[in-house]
Amino acid sequence: MKFIELTLKNHTILHGFDARNREITEEVEVEEASKKIVAVSRILSISEKFILIKYAYNRIIYWEYMEDYETIKKMLIE
């Protein structure tokens, strides 16, 4: 299993959907970014601002990352 190190900060946790199919989310803001080791197999997508990572119990988290988009792209391709 391949892992990459990312610097992650604020994030939105998607807990699921309500009866009207609207997302149930939790916004989390932190003072400082922190480094995390992430399994590449858990990454669902990357945009220029967020990386979408899946966790246990079908939770999905939109993380704000501090690296440059091209840097992360290169880490994943290697």
PDB file of N, CA and C in Angstrom:
ATOM      1  N   MET A   1       0.848  -1.179   0.000  1.00  0.00           N
ATOM      2  CA  MET A   1       0.000   0.000   0.000  1.00  0.00           C
ATOM      3  C   MET A   1       0.893   1.240   0.000  1.00  0.00           C
ATOM      4  N   LYS A   2       0.584   2.193  -0.867  1.00  0.00           N
ATOM      5  CA  LYS A   2       1.371   3.404  -0.986  1.00  0.00           C
ATOM      6  C   LYS A   2       0.789   4.509  -0.093  1.00  0.00           C
ATOM      7  N   PHE A   3       1.677   5.292   0.522  1.00  0.00           N
ATOM      8  CA  PHE A   3       1.283   6.404   1.369  1.00  0.00           C
ATOM      9  C   PHE A   3       1.985   7.677   0.898  1.00  0.00           C
ATOM     10  N   ILE A   4       1.346   8.822   1.157  1.00  0.00           N
ATOM     11  CA  ILE A   4       1.989  10.107   0.909  1.00  0.00           C
ATOM     12  C   ILE A   4       1.805  10.976   2.147  1.00  0.00           C
ATOM     13  N   GLU A   5       2.730  11.904   2.345  1.00  0.00           N
ATOM     14  CA  GLU A   5       2.637  12.838   3.465  1.00  0.00           C
ATOM     15  C   GLU A   5       2.045  14.150   2.967  1.00  0.00           C
ATOM     16  N   LEU A   6       1.005  14.630   3.649  1.00  0.00           N
ATOM     17  CA  LEU A   6       0.333  15.872   3.284  1.00  0.00           C
ATOM     18  C   LEU A   6       0.236  16.786   4.495  1.00  0.00           C
ATOM     19  N   THR A   7       0.170  18.072   4.234  1.00  0.00           N
ATOM     20  CA  THR A   7      -0.072  19.054   5.280  1.00  0.00           C
ATOM     21  C   THR A   7      -1.509  19.506   5.134  1.00  0.00           C
ATOM     22  N   LEU A   8      -2.342  19.145   6.125  1.00  0.00           N
ATOM     23  CA  LEU A   8      -3.782  19.367   6.040  1.00  0.00           C
ATOM     24  C   LEU A   8      -4.232  20.354   7.109  1.00  0.00           C
ATOM     25  N   LYS A   9      -5.310  21.084   6.805  1.00  0.00           N
ATOM     26  CA  LYS A   9      -5.784  22.093   7.747  1.00  0.00           C
ATOM     27  C   LYS A   9      -7.288  21.958   7.958  1.00  0.00           C
ATOM     28  N   ASN A  10      -8.036  22.977   7.603  1.00  0.00           N
ATOM     29  CA  ASN A  10      -9.486  22.966   7.814  1.00  0.00           C
ATOM     30  C   ASN A  10     -10.121  21.871   6.965  1.00  0.00           C
ATOM     31  N   HIS A  11     -11.269  21.370   7.428  1.00  0.00           N
ATOM     32  CA  HIS A  11     -11.908  20.301   6.682  1.00  0.00           C
ATOM     33  C   HIS A  11     -13.412  20.258   6.930  1.00  0.00           C
ATOM     34  N   THR A  12     -14.087  19.611   6.007  1.00  0.00           N
ATOM     35  CA  THR A  12     -15.525  19.396   6.102  1.00  0.00           C
ATOM     36  C   THR A  12     -15.767  17.895   6.108  1.00  0.00           C
ATOM     37  N   ILE A  13     -16.450  17.420   7.148  1.00  0.00           N
ATOM     38  CA  ILE A  13     -16.755  16.000   7.269  1.00  0.00           C
ATOM     39  C   ILE A  13     -18.161  15.764   6.724  1.00  0.00           C
ATOM     40  N   LEU A  14     -18.281  14.847   5.792  1.00  0.00           N
ATOM     41  CA  LEU A  14     -19.583  14.448   5.256  1.00  0.00           C
ATOM     42  C   LEU A  14     -20.017  13.200   6.022  1.00  0.00           C
ATOM     43  N   HIS A  15     -21.060  13.349   6.857  1.00  0.00           N
ATOM     44  CA  HIS A  15     -21.539  12.248   7.692  1.00  0.00           C
ATOM     45  C   HIS A  15     -22.568  11.379   6.980  1.00  0.00           C
ATOM     46  N   GLY A  16     -23.151  11.891   5.912  1.00  0.00           N
ATOM     47  CA  GLY A  16     -24.173  11.142   5.198  1.00  0.00           C
ATOM     48  C   GLY A  16     -25.207  12.090   4.631  1.00  0.00           C
ATOM     49  N   PHE A  17     -26.419  11.574   4.440  1.00  0.00           N
ATOM     50  CA  PHE A  17     -27.480  12.366   3.829  1.00  0.00           C
ATOM     51  C   PHE A  17     -28.752  12.259   4.669  1.00  0.00           C
ATOM     52  N   ASP A  18     -29.543  13.337   4.678  1.00  0.00           N
ATOM     53  CA  ASP A  18     -30.803  13.319   5.418  1.00  0.00           C
ATOM     54  C   ASP A  18     -31.917  12.732   4.546  1.00  0.00           C
ATOM     55  N   ALA A  19     -33.136  12.763   5.049  1.00  0.00           N
ATOM     56  CA  ALA A  19     -34.279  12.180   4.340  1.00  0.00           C
ATOM     57  C   ALA A  19     -34.567  12.875   3.013  1.00  0.00           C
ATOM     58  N   ARG A  20     -34.117  14.123   2.880  1.00  0.00           N
ATOM     59  CA  ARG A  20     -34.311  14.872   1.631  1.00  0.00           C
ATOM     60  C   ARG A  20     -33.080  14.818   0.726  1.00  0.00           C
ATOM     61  N   ASN A  21     -32.161  13.909   1.045  1.00  0.00           N
ATOM     62  CA  ASN A  21     -30.935  13.700   0.272  1.00  0.00           C
ATOM     63  C   ASN A  21     -29.993  14.904   0.304  1.00  0.00           C
ATOM     64  N   ARG A  22     -30.043  15.675   1.393  1.00  0.00           N
ATOM     65  CA  ARG A  22     -29.107  16.779   1.583  1.00  0.00           C
ATOM     66  C   ARG A  22     -27.941  16.289   2.433  1.00  0.00           C
ATOM     67  N   GLU A  23     -26.749  16.772   2.113  1.00  0.00           N
ATOM     68  CA  GLU A  23     -25.565  16.362   2.862  1.00  0.00           C
ATOM     69  C   GLU A  23     -25.663  16.792   4.329  1.00  0.00           C
ATOM     70  N   ILE A  24     -25.240  15.914   5.210  1.00  0.00           N
ATOM     71  CA  ILE A  24     -25.088  16.242   6.627  1.00  0.00           C
ATOM     72  C   ILE A  24     -23.594  16.454   6.834  1.00  0.00           C
ATOM     73  N   THR A  25     -23.188  17.701   7.052  1.00  0.00           N
ATOM     74  CA  THR A  25     -21.765  18.031   7.136  1.00  0.00           C
ATOM     75  C   THR A  25     -21.423  18.692   8.461  1.00  0.00           C
ATOM     76  N   GLU A  26     -20.149  18.637   8.777  1.00  0.00           N
ATOM     77  CA  GLU A  26     -19.598  19.277   9.965  1.00  0.00           C
ATOM     78  C   GLU A  26     -18.354  20.040   9.518  1.00  0.00           C
ATOM     79  N   GLU A  27     -18.347  21.352   9.715  1.00  0.00           N
ATOM     80  CA  GLU A  27     -17.201  22.185   9.352  1.00  0.00           C
ATOM     81  C   GLU A  27     -16.224  22.221  10.521  1.00  0.00           C
ATOM     82  N   VAL A  28     -14.954  21.974  10.257  1.00  0.00           N
ATOM     83  CA  VAL A  28     -13.927  21.992  11.299  1.00  0.00           C
ATOM     84  C   VAL A  28     -12.834  22.966  10.890  1.00  0.00           C
ATOM     85  N   GLU A  29     -12.587  23.966  11.722  1.00  0.00           N
ATOM     86  CA  GLU A  29     -11.508  24.920  11.485  1.00  0.00           C
ATOM     87  C   GLU A  29     -10.481  24.773  12.597  1.00  0.00           C
ATOM     88  N   VAL A  30      -9.219  24.706  12.213  1.00  0.00           N
ATOM     89  CA  VAL A  30      -8.131  24.559  13.176  1.00  0.00           C
ATOM     90  C   VAL A  30      -7.174  25.729  13.033  1.00  0.00           C
ATOM     91  N   GLU A  31      -6.432  26.007  14.086  1.00  0.00           N
ATOM     92  CA  GLU A  31      -5.494  27.129  14.047  1.00  0.00           C
ATOM     93  C   GLU A  31      -4.276  26.844  13.191  1.00  0.00           C
ATOM     94  N   GLU A  32      -3.779  25.623  13.276  1.00  0.00           N
ATOM     95  CA  GLU A  32      -2.554  25.274  12.555  1.00  0.00           C
ATOM     96  C   GLU A  32      -2.751  24.024  11.711  1.00  0.00           C
ATOM     97  N   ALA A  33      -2.086  24.006  10.581  1.00  0.00           N
ATOM     98  CA  ALA A  33      -2.079  22.811   9.735  1.00  0.00           C
ATOM     99  C   ALA A  33      -1.214  21.745  10.400  1.00  0.00           C
ATOM    100  N   SER A  34      -1.460  20.493  10.065  1.00  0.00           N
ATOM    101  CA  SER A  34      -0.643  19.404  10.597  1.00  0.00           C
ATOM    102  C   SER A  34      -0.333  18.411   9.489  1.00  0.00           C
ATOM    103  N   LYS A  35       0.793  17.733   9.644  1.00  0.00           N
ATOM    104  CA  LYS A  35       1.212  16.742   8.659  1.00  0.00           C
ATOM    105  C   LYS A  35       0.513  15.420   8.961  1.00  0.00           C
ATOM    106  N   LYS A  36       0.079  14.748   7.895  1.00  0.00           N
ATOM    107  CA  LYS A  36      -0.583  13.456   8.034  1.00  0.00           C
ATOM    108  C   LYS A  36      -0.068  12.530   6.932  1.00  0.00           C
ATOM    109  N   ILE A  37       0.037  11.264   7.280  1.00  0.00           N
ATOM    110  CA  ILE A  37       0.376  10.237   6.310  1.00  0.00           C
ATOM    111  C   ILE A  37      -0.954   9.650   5.832  1.00  0.00           C
ATOM    112  N   VAL A  38      -1.187   9.670   4.523  1.00  0.00           N
ATOM    113  CA  VAL A  38      -2.470   9.242   3.952  1.00  0.00           C
ATOM    114  C   VAL A  38      -2.239   8.091   2.978  1.00  0.00           C
ATOM    115  N   ALA A  39      -3.044   7.064   3.106  1.00  0.00           N
ATOM    116  CA  ALA A  39      -2.996   5.956   2.154  1.00  0.00           C
ATOM    117  C   ALA A  39      -3.573   6.437   0.827  1.00  0.00           C
ATOM    118  N   VAL A  40      -2.833   6.275  -0.234  1.00  0.00           N
ATOM    119  CA  VAL A  40      -3.270   6.722  -1.558  1.00  0.00           C
ATOM    120  C   VAL A  40      -4.600   6.061  -1.940  1.00  0.00           C
ATOM    121  N   SER A  41      -4.813   4.845  -1.500  1.00  0.00           N
ATOM    122  CA  SER A  41      -6.057   4.133  -1.845  1.00  0.00           C
ATOM    123  C   SER A  41      -7.297   4.797  -1.241  1.00  0.00           C
ATOM    124  N   ARG A  42      -7.130   5.664  -0.248  1.00  0.00           N
ATOM    125  CA  ARG A  42      -8.268   6.353   0.371  1.00  0.00           C
ATOM    126  C   ARG A  42      -8.610   7.681  -0.320  1.00  0.00           C
ATOM    127  N   ILE A  43      -7.745   8.140  -1.201  1.00  0.00           N
ATOM    128  CA  ILE A  43      -7.971   9.420  -1.885  1.00  0.00           C
ATOM    129  C   ILE A  43      -8.969   9.217  -3.019  1.00  0.00           C
ATOM    130  N   LEU A  44     -10.047  10.011  -2.992  1.00  0.00           N
ATOM    131  CA  LEU A  44     -11.078   9.908  -4.022  1.00  0.00           C
ATOM    132  C   LEU A  44     -10.874  10.923  -5.134  1.00  0.00           C
ATOM    133  N   SER A  45     -10.474  12.145  -4.779  1.00  0.00           N
ATOM    134  CA  SER A  45     -10.214  13.160  -5.799  1.00  0.00           C
ATOM    135  C   SER A  45      -9.439  14.319  -5.193  1.00  0.00           C
ATOM    136  N   ILE A  46      -8.901  15.147  -6.102  1.00  0.00           N
ATOM    137  CA  ILE A  46      -8.138  16.327  -5.696  1.00  0.00           C
ATOM    138  C   ILE A  46      -8.547  17.486  -6.583  1.00  0.00           C
ATOM    139  N   SER A  47      -8.779  18.626  -5.952  1.00  0.00           N
ATOM    140  CA  SER A  47      -9.008  19.864  -6.701  1.00  0.00           C
ATOM    141  C   SER A  47      -7.858  20.803  -6.352  1.00  0.00           C
ATOM    142  N   GLU A  48      -7.905  22.013  -6.857  1.00  0.00           N
ATOM    143  CA  GLU A  48      -6.817  22.952  -6.560  1.00  0.00           C
ATOM    144  C   GLU A  48      -6.802  23.399  -5.107  1.00  0.00           C
ATOM    145  N   LYS A  49      -7.887  23.155  -4.367  1.00  0.00           N
ATOM    146  CA  LYS A  49      -7.949  23.585  -2.975  1.00  0.00           C
ATOM    147  C   LYS A  49      -8.177  22.438  -1.990  1.00  0.00           C
ATOM    148  N   PHE A  50      -8.891  21.399  -2.410  1.00  0.00           N
ATOM    149  CA  PHE A  50      -9.269  20.333  -1.495  1.00  0.00           C
ATOM    150  C   PHE A  50      -8.845  18.958  -1.994  1.00  0.00           C
ATOM    151  N   ILE A  51      -8.637  18.065  -1.019  1.00  0.00           N
ATOM    152  CA  ILE A  51      -8.410  16.660  -1.320  1.00  0.00           C
ATOM    153  C   ILE A  51      -9.518  15.894  -0.601  1.00  0.00           C
ATOM    154  N   LEU A  52     -10.166  14.995  -1.306  1.00  0.00           N
ATOM    155  CA  LEU A  52     -11.297  14.240  -0.784  1.00  0.00           C
ATOM    156  C   LEU A  52     -10.802  12.854  -0.374  1.00  0.00           C
ATOM    157  N   ILE A  53     -10.963  12.531   0.919  1.00  0.00           N
ATOM    158  CA  ILE A  53     -10.437  11.279   1.463  1.00  0.00           C
ATOM    159  C   ILE A  53     -11.559  10.510   2.147  1.00  0.00           C
ATOM    160  N   LYS A  54     -11.624   9.199   1.894  1.00  0.00           N
ATOM    161  CA  LYS A  54     -12.656   8.371   2.534  1.00  0.00           C
ATOM    162  C   LYS A  54     -12.089   7.726   3.792  1.00  0.00           C
ATOM    163  N   TYR A  55     -12.976   7.561   4.773  1.00  0.00           N
ATOM    164  CA  TYR A  55     -12.619   6.962   6.056  1.00  0.00           C
ATOM    165  C   TYR A  55     -13.623   5.858   6.382  1.00  0.00           C
ATOM    166  N   ALA A  56     -13.441   5.217   7.520  1.00  0.00           N
ATOM    167  CA  ALA A  56     -14.346   4.154   7.960  1.00  0.00           C
ATOM    168  C   ALA A  56     -15.765   4.681   8.136  1.00  0.00           C
ATOM    169  N   TYR A  57     -16.696   3.779   8.122  1.00  0.00           N
ATOM    170  CA  TYR A  57     -18.117   4.090   8.314  1.00  0.00           C
ATOM    171  C   TYR A  57     -18.654   5.027   7.234  1.00  0.00           C
ATOM    172  N   ASN A  58     -18.094   4.920   6.036  1.00  0.00           N
ATOM    173  CA  ASN A  58     -18.532   5.701   4.875  1.00  0.00           C
ATOM    174  C   ASN A  58     -18.436   7.210   5.065  1.00  0.00           C
ATOM    175  N   ARG A  59     -17.576   7.658   5.948  1.00  0.00           N
ATOM    176  CA  ARG A  59     -17.356   9.091   6.092  1.00  0.00           C
ATOM    177  C   ARG A  59     -16.379   9.547   5.029  1.00  0.00           C
ATOM    178  N   ILE A  60     -16.636  10.745   4.538  1.00  0.00           N
ATOM    179  CA  ILE A  60     -15.766  11.361   3.546  1.00  0.00           C
ATOM    180  C   ILE A  60     -15.385  12.741   4.086  1.00  0.00           C
ATOM    181  N   ILE A  61     -14.118  13.091   3.947  1.00  0.00           N
ATOM    182  CA  ILE A  61     -13.663  14.388   4.446  1.00  0.00           C
ATOM    183  C   ILE A  61     -13.012  15.173   3.317  1.00  0.00           C
ATOM    184  N   TYR A  62     -13.473  16.413   3.171  1.00  0.00           N
ATOM    185  CA  TYR A  62     -12.866  17.365   2.244  1.00  0.00           C
ATOM    186  C   TYR A  62     -11.816  18.135   3.037  1.00  0.00           C
ATOM    187  N   TRP A  63     -10.542  17.849   2.800  1.00  0.00           N
ATOM    188  CA  TRP A  63      -9.448  18.511   3.508  1.00  0.00           C
ATOM    189  C   TRP A  63      -8.893  19.670   2.684  1.00  0.00           C
ATOM    190  N   GLU A  64      -8.604  20.765   3.341  1.00  0.00           N
ATOM    191  CA  GLU A  64      -7.849  21.862   2.726  1.00  0.00           C
ATOM    192  C   GLU A  64      -6.373  21.498   2.886  1.00  0.00           C
ATOM    193  N   TYR A  65      -5.649  21.434   1.798  1.00  0.00           N
ATOM    194  CA  TYR A  65      -4.233  21.055   1.896  1.00  0.00           C
ATOM    195  C   TYR A  65      -3.342  22.253   1.602  1.00  0.00           C
ATOM    196  N   MET A  66      -2.119  22.194   2.121  1.00  0.00           N
ATOM    197  CA  MET A  66      -1.205  23.323   2.028  1.00  0.00           C
ATOM    198  C   MET A  66      -0.200  23.196   0.881  1.00  0.00           C
ATOM    199  N   GLU A  67      -0.004  21.997   0.375  1.00  0.00           N
ATOM    200  CA  GLU A  67       0.930  21.803  -0.733  1.00  0.00           C
ATOM    201  C   GLU A  67       0.355  22.394  -2.023  1.00  0.00           C
ATOM    202  N   ASP A  68       1.196  22.499  -2.998  1.00  0.00           N
ATOM    203  CA  ASP A  68       0.798  22.938  -4.332  1.00  0.00           C
ATOM    204  C   ASP A  68       0.115  21.768  -5.056  1.00  0.00           C
ATOM    205  N   TYR A  69      -0.896  22.061  -5.844  1.00  0.00           N
ATOM    206  CA  TYR A  69      -1.636  21.034  -6.596  1.00  0.00           C
ATOM    207  C   TYR A  69      -0.688  20.164  -7.435  1.00  0.00           C
ATOM    208  N   GLU A  70       0.212  20.803  -8.156  1.00  0.00           N
ATOM    209  CA  GLU A  70       1.136  20.053  -9.027  1.00  0.00           C
ATOM    210  C   GLU A  70       2.043  19.131  -8.218  1.00  0.00           C
ATOM    211  N   THR A  71       2.423  19.544  -7.018  1.00  0.00           N
ATOM    212  CA  THR A  71       3.259  18.710  -6.151  1.00  0.00           C
ATOM    213  C   THR A  71       2.521  17.443  -5.758  1.00  0.00           C
ATOM    214  N   ILE A  72       1.264  17.581  -5.358  1.00  0.00           N
ATOM    215  CA  ILE A  72       0.473  16.406  -4.979  1.00  0.00           C
ATOM    216  C   ILE A  72       0.241  15.511  -6.185  1.00  0.00           C
ATOM    217  N   LYS A  73      -0.028  16.107  -7.305  1.00  0.00           N
ATOM    218  CA  LYS A  73      -0.242  15.330  -8.532  1.00  0.00           C
ATOM    219  C   LYS A  73       0.982  14.470  -8.840  1.00  0.00           C
ATOM    220  N   LYS A  74       2.169  15.051  -8.712  1.00  0.00           N
ATOM    221  CA  LYS A  74       3.402  14.309  -8.960  1.00  0.00           C
ATOM    222  C   LYS A  74       3.593  13.193  -7.951  1.00  0.00           C
ATOM    223  N   MET A  75       3.267  13.434  -6.676  1.00  0.00           N
ATOM    224  CA  MET A  75       3.387  12.395  -5.650  1.00  0.00           C
ATOM    225  C   MET A  75       2.506  11.202  -5.976  1.00  0.00           C
ATOM    226  N   LEU A  76       1.320  11.460  -6.509  1.00  0.00           N
ATOM    227  CA  LEU A  76       0.384  10.376  -6.797  1.00  0.00           C
ATOM    228  C   LEU A  76       0.759   9.606  -8.054  1.00  0.00           C
ATOM    229  N   ILE A  77       1.357  10.270  -9.011  1.00  0.00           N
ATOM    230  CA  ILE A  77       1.729   9.621 -10.264  1.00  0.00           C
ATOM    231  C   ILE A  77       2.950   8.728 -10.093  1.00  0.00           C
ATOM    232  N   GLU A  78       3.855   9.108  -9.206  1.00  0.00           N
ATOM    233  CA  GLU A  78       5.105   8.345  -9.008  1.00  0.00           C
ATOM    234  C   GLU A  78       4.861   6.979  -8.444  1.00  0.00           C
TER     235      GLU A  78
END
